[in-house]
Structure formats: C-alpha cells, structure tokens
Amino acid sequence: MANKTDKPKQGKTTPDALPKTGYSRWQQLEPFMPFSRETWRLLVQDGKAPKPTYLNKRCKIYPNAEVHKWFADPKNYRAD
C-alpha cells in the first residue's frame, strides 16, 4: 500500500530545467538548489547570489539569466 507521502503534491511539479529567461520565485528555484532558503537569503545579502526584484513587500523574483550565471560559477559570482 502506498504511503500518502509518496504521492506528488498536486500542482507542484518539478521541471526538468530552469528556463534561461524570465524570472522565478524561490519555490521554482528550490528543486535546483543544494541548500535551504535561508542559506540562499544569506548569499543574496552578501552579494554572492543574484539580487531579487520585489513585486511587492513579500514577493521576490530572481532573474533566471543571473541564476544561470550563478550556477555556472557559484564561488566567484558577484551580484552587480
């Protein structure tokens, strides 16, 4: 018998790849990240990850092109 946790959440599918253009929220980036949201927030704060654009006070989006640059060289990435 299948466990309830084995069932994928409805409406939450993991994409095969992050789009090269456009913007993504953390929930869309999370499947590709090897760490937590808090670690990402600290990297952004230190200028070591792409800066977000704020849609409103609580909603941040990240430019996919910058996220791909970060994926290519995370240790040497510096936000503009």
C-alpha atoms as a PDB file:
ATOM      1  CA  MET A   1       0.000   0.000   0.000  1.00  0.00           C
ATOM      2  CA  ALA A   2       1.369   3.401  -0.973  1.00  0.00           C
ATOM      3  CA  ASN A   3       2.163   5.901   1.703  1.00  0.00           C
ATOM      4  CA  LYS A   4       0.472   9.320   1.498  1.00  0.00           C
ATOM      5  CA  THR A   5       3.898  10.976   1.406  1.00  0.00           C
ATOM      6  CA  ASP A   6       4.783   9.050  -1.779  1.00  0.00           C
ATOM      7  CA  LYS A   7       2.065  10.876  -3.670  1.00  0.00           C
ATOM      8  CA  PRO A   8       3.263  14.018  -5.507  1.00  0.00           C
ATOM      9  CA  LYS A   9       1.658  17.255  -4.386  1.00  0.00           C
ATOM     10  CA  GLN A  10      -0.985  18.409  -6.796  1.00  0.00           C
ATOM     11  CA  GLY A  11       0.067  21.481  -8.756  1.00  0.00           C
ATOM     12  CA  LYS A  12       3.714  21.195  -7.673  1.00  0.00           C
ATOM     13  CA  THR A  13       5.734  19.558 -10.395  1.00  0.00           C
ATOM     14  CA  THR A  14       9.498  19.698 -10.630  1.00  0.00           C
ATOM     15  CA  PRO A  15      10.624  20.994 -14.012  1.00  0.00           C
ATOM     16  CA  ASP A  16      13.449  19.283 -15.864  1.00  0.00           C
ATOM     17  CA  ALA A  17      15.335  22.556 -16.269  1.00  0.00           C
ATOM     18  CA  LEU A  18      15.153  26.163 -15.165  1.00  0.00           C
ATOM     19  CA  PRO A  19      14.213  28.465 -18.087  1.00  0.00           C
ATOM     20  CA  LYS A  20      17.090  30.604 -19.400  1.00  0.00           C
ATOM     21  CA  THR A  21      14.995  33.793 -19.475  1.00  0.00           C
ATOM     22  CA  GLY A  22      12.324  35.326 -17.322  1.00  0.00           C
ATOM     23  CA  TYR A  23      12.017  35.340 -13.553  1.00  0.00           C
ATOM     24  CA  SER A  24      11.455  32.711 -10.886  1.00  0.00           C
ATOM     25  CA  ARG A  25      10.344  32.713  -7.274  1.00  0.00           C
ATOM     26  CA  TRP A  26      12.176  30.686  -4.629  1.00  0.00           C
ATOM     27  CA  GLN A  27       9.649  27.838  -4.934  1.00  0.00           C
ATOM     28  CA  GLN A  28      10.652  27.440  -8.593  1.00  0.00           C
ATOM     29  CA  LEU A  29      14.391  27.609  -7.820  1.00  0.00           C
ATOM     30  CA  GLU A  30      14.302  25.324  -4.787  1.00  0.00           C
ATOM     31  CA  PRO A  31      14.374  21.981  -6.685  1.00  0.00           C
ATOM     32  CA  PHE A  32      17.704  23.018  -8.236  1.00  0.00           C
ATOM     33  CA  MET A  33      19.347  24.289  -5.029  1.00  0.00           C
ATOM     34  CA  PRO A  34      21.589  22.140  -2.821  1.00  0.00           C
ATOM     35  CA  PHE A  35      20.742  24.154   0.299  1.00  0.00           C
ATOM     36  CA  SER A  36      17.961  25.897   2.197  1.00  0.00           C
ATOM     37  CA  ARG A  37      16.116  29.138   1.556  1.00  0.00           C
ATOM     38  CA  GLU A  38      17.919  30.758   4.489  1.00  0.00           C
ATOM     39  CA  THR A  39      21.341  29.935   3.029  1.00  0.00           C
ATOM     40  CA  TRP A  40      20.211  31.445  -0.297  1.00  0.00           C
ATOM     41  CA  ARG A  41      18.981  34.564   1.535  1.00  0.00           C
ATOM     42  CA  LEU A  42      22.366  34.967   3.233  1.00  0.00           C
ATOM     43  CA  LEU A  43      24.205  34.563  -0.091  1.00  0.00           C
ATOM     44  CA  VAL A  44      21.988  37.247  -1.641  1.00  0.00           C
ATOM     45  CA  GLN A  45      22.571  39.517   1.361  1.00  0.00           C
ATOM     46  CA  ASP A  46      26.352  39.114   0.995  1.00  0.00           C
ATOM     47  CA  GLY A  47      26.220  39.814  -2.757  1.00  0.00           C
ATOM     48  CA  LYS A  48      27.233  36.242  -3.608  1.00  0.00           C
ATOM     49  CA  ALA A  49      23.942  35.378  -5.343  1.00  0.00           C
ATOM     50  CA  PRO A  50      21.632  37.296  -7.701  1.00  0.00           C
ATOM     51  CA  LYS A  51      19.638  40.128  -6.197  1.00  0.00           C
ATOM     52  CA  PRO A  52      15.867  39.776  -6.368  1.00  0.00           C
ATOM     53  CA  THR A  53      13.323  42.134  -7.808  1.00  0.00           C
ATOM     54  CA  TYR A  54      10.427  42.842  -5.471  1.00  0.00           C
ATOM     55  CA  LEU A  55       6.916  42.588  -6.899  1.00  0.00           C
ATOM     56  CA  ASN A  56       5.574  43.798  -3.562  1.00  0.00           C
ATOM     57  CA  LYS A  57       6.700  43.791   0.067  1.00  0.00           C
ATOM     58  CA  ARG A  58       6.619  39.998   0.364  1.00  0.00           C
ATOM     59  CA  CYS A  59       7.121  38.668  -3.166  1.00  0.00           C
ATOM     60  CA  LYS A  60      10.642  38.409  -4.586  1.00  0.00           C
ATOM     61  CA  ILE A  61      11.565  37.139  -8.028  1.00  0.00           C
ATOM     62  CA  TYR A  62      15.033  36.304  -9.312  1.00  0.00           C
ATOM     63  CA  PRO A  63      16.220  36.802 -12.902  1.00  0.00           C
ATOM     64  CA  ASN A  64      16.787  33.362 -14.425  1.00  0.00           C
ATOM     65  CA  ALA A  65      19.717  34.590 -16.537  1.00  0.00           C
ATOM     66  CA  GLU A  66      21.562  35.688 -13.376  1.00  0.00           C
ATOM     67  CA  VAL A  67      20.690  32.452 -11.584  1.00  0.00           C
ATOM     68  CA  HIS A  68      22.217  30.509 -14.503  1.00  0.00           C
ATOM     69  CA  LYS A  69      25.377  32.653 -14.238  1.00  0.00           C
ATOM     70  CA  TRP A  70      25.476  31.794 -10.539  1.00  0.00           C
ATOM     71  CA  PHE A  71      25.052  28.062 -11.299  1.00  0.00           C
ATOM     72  CA  ALA A  72      27.966  28.256 -13.774  1.00  0.00           C
ATOM     73  CA  ASP A  73      30.389  29.627 -11.143  1.00  0.00           C
ATOM     74  CA  PRO A  74      28.856  29.965  -7.651  1.00  0.00           C
ATOM     75  CA  LYS A  75      32.157  30.584  -5.832  1.00  0.00           C
ATOM     76  CA  ASN A  76      33.188  33.533  -7.988  1.00  0.00           C
ATOM     77  CA  TYR A  77      29.748  35.049  -8.666  1.00  0.00           C
ATOM     78  CA  ARG A  78      29.259  38.644  -7.536  1.00  0.00           C
ATOM     79  CA  ALA A  79      25.951  40.499  -7.813  1.00  0.00           C
ATOM     80  CA  ASP A  80      26.129  43.852  -9.589  1.00  0.00           C
END
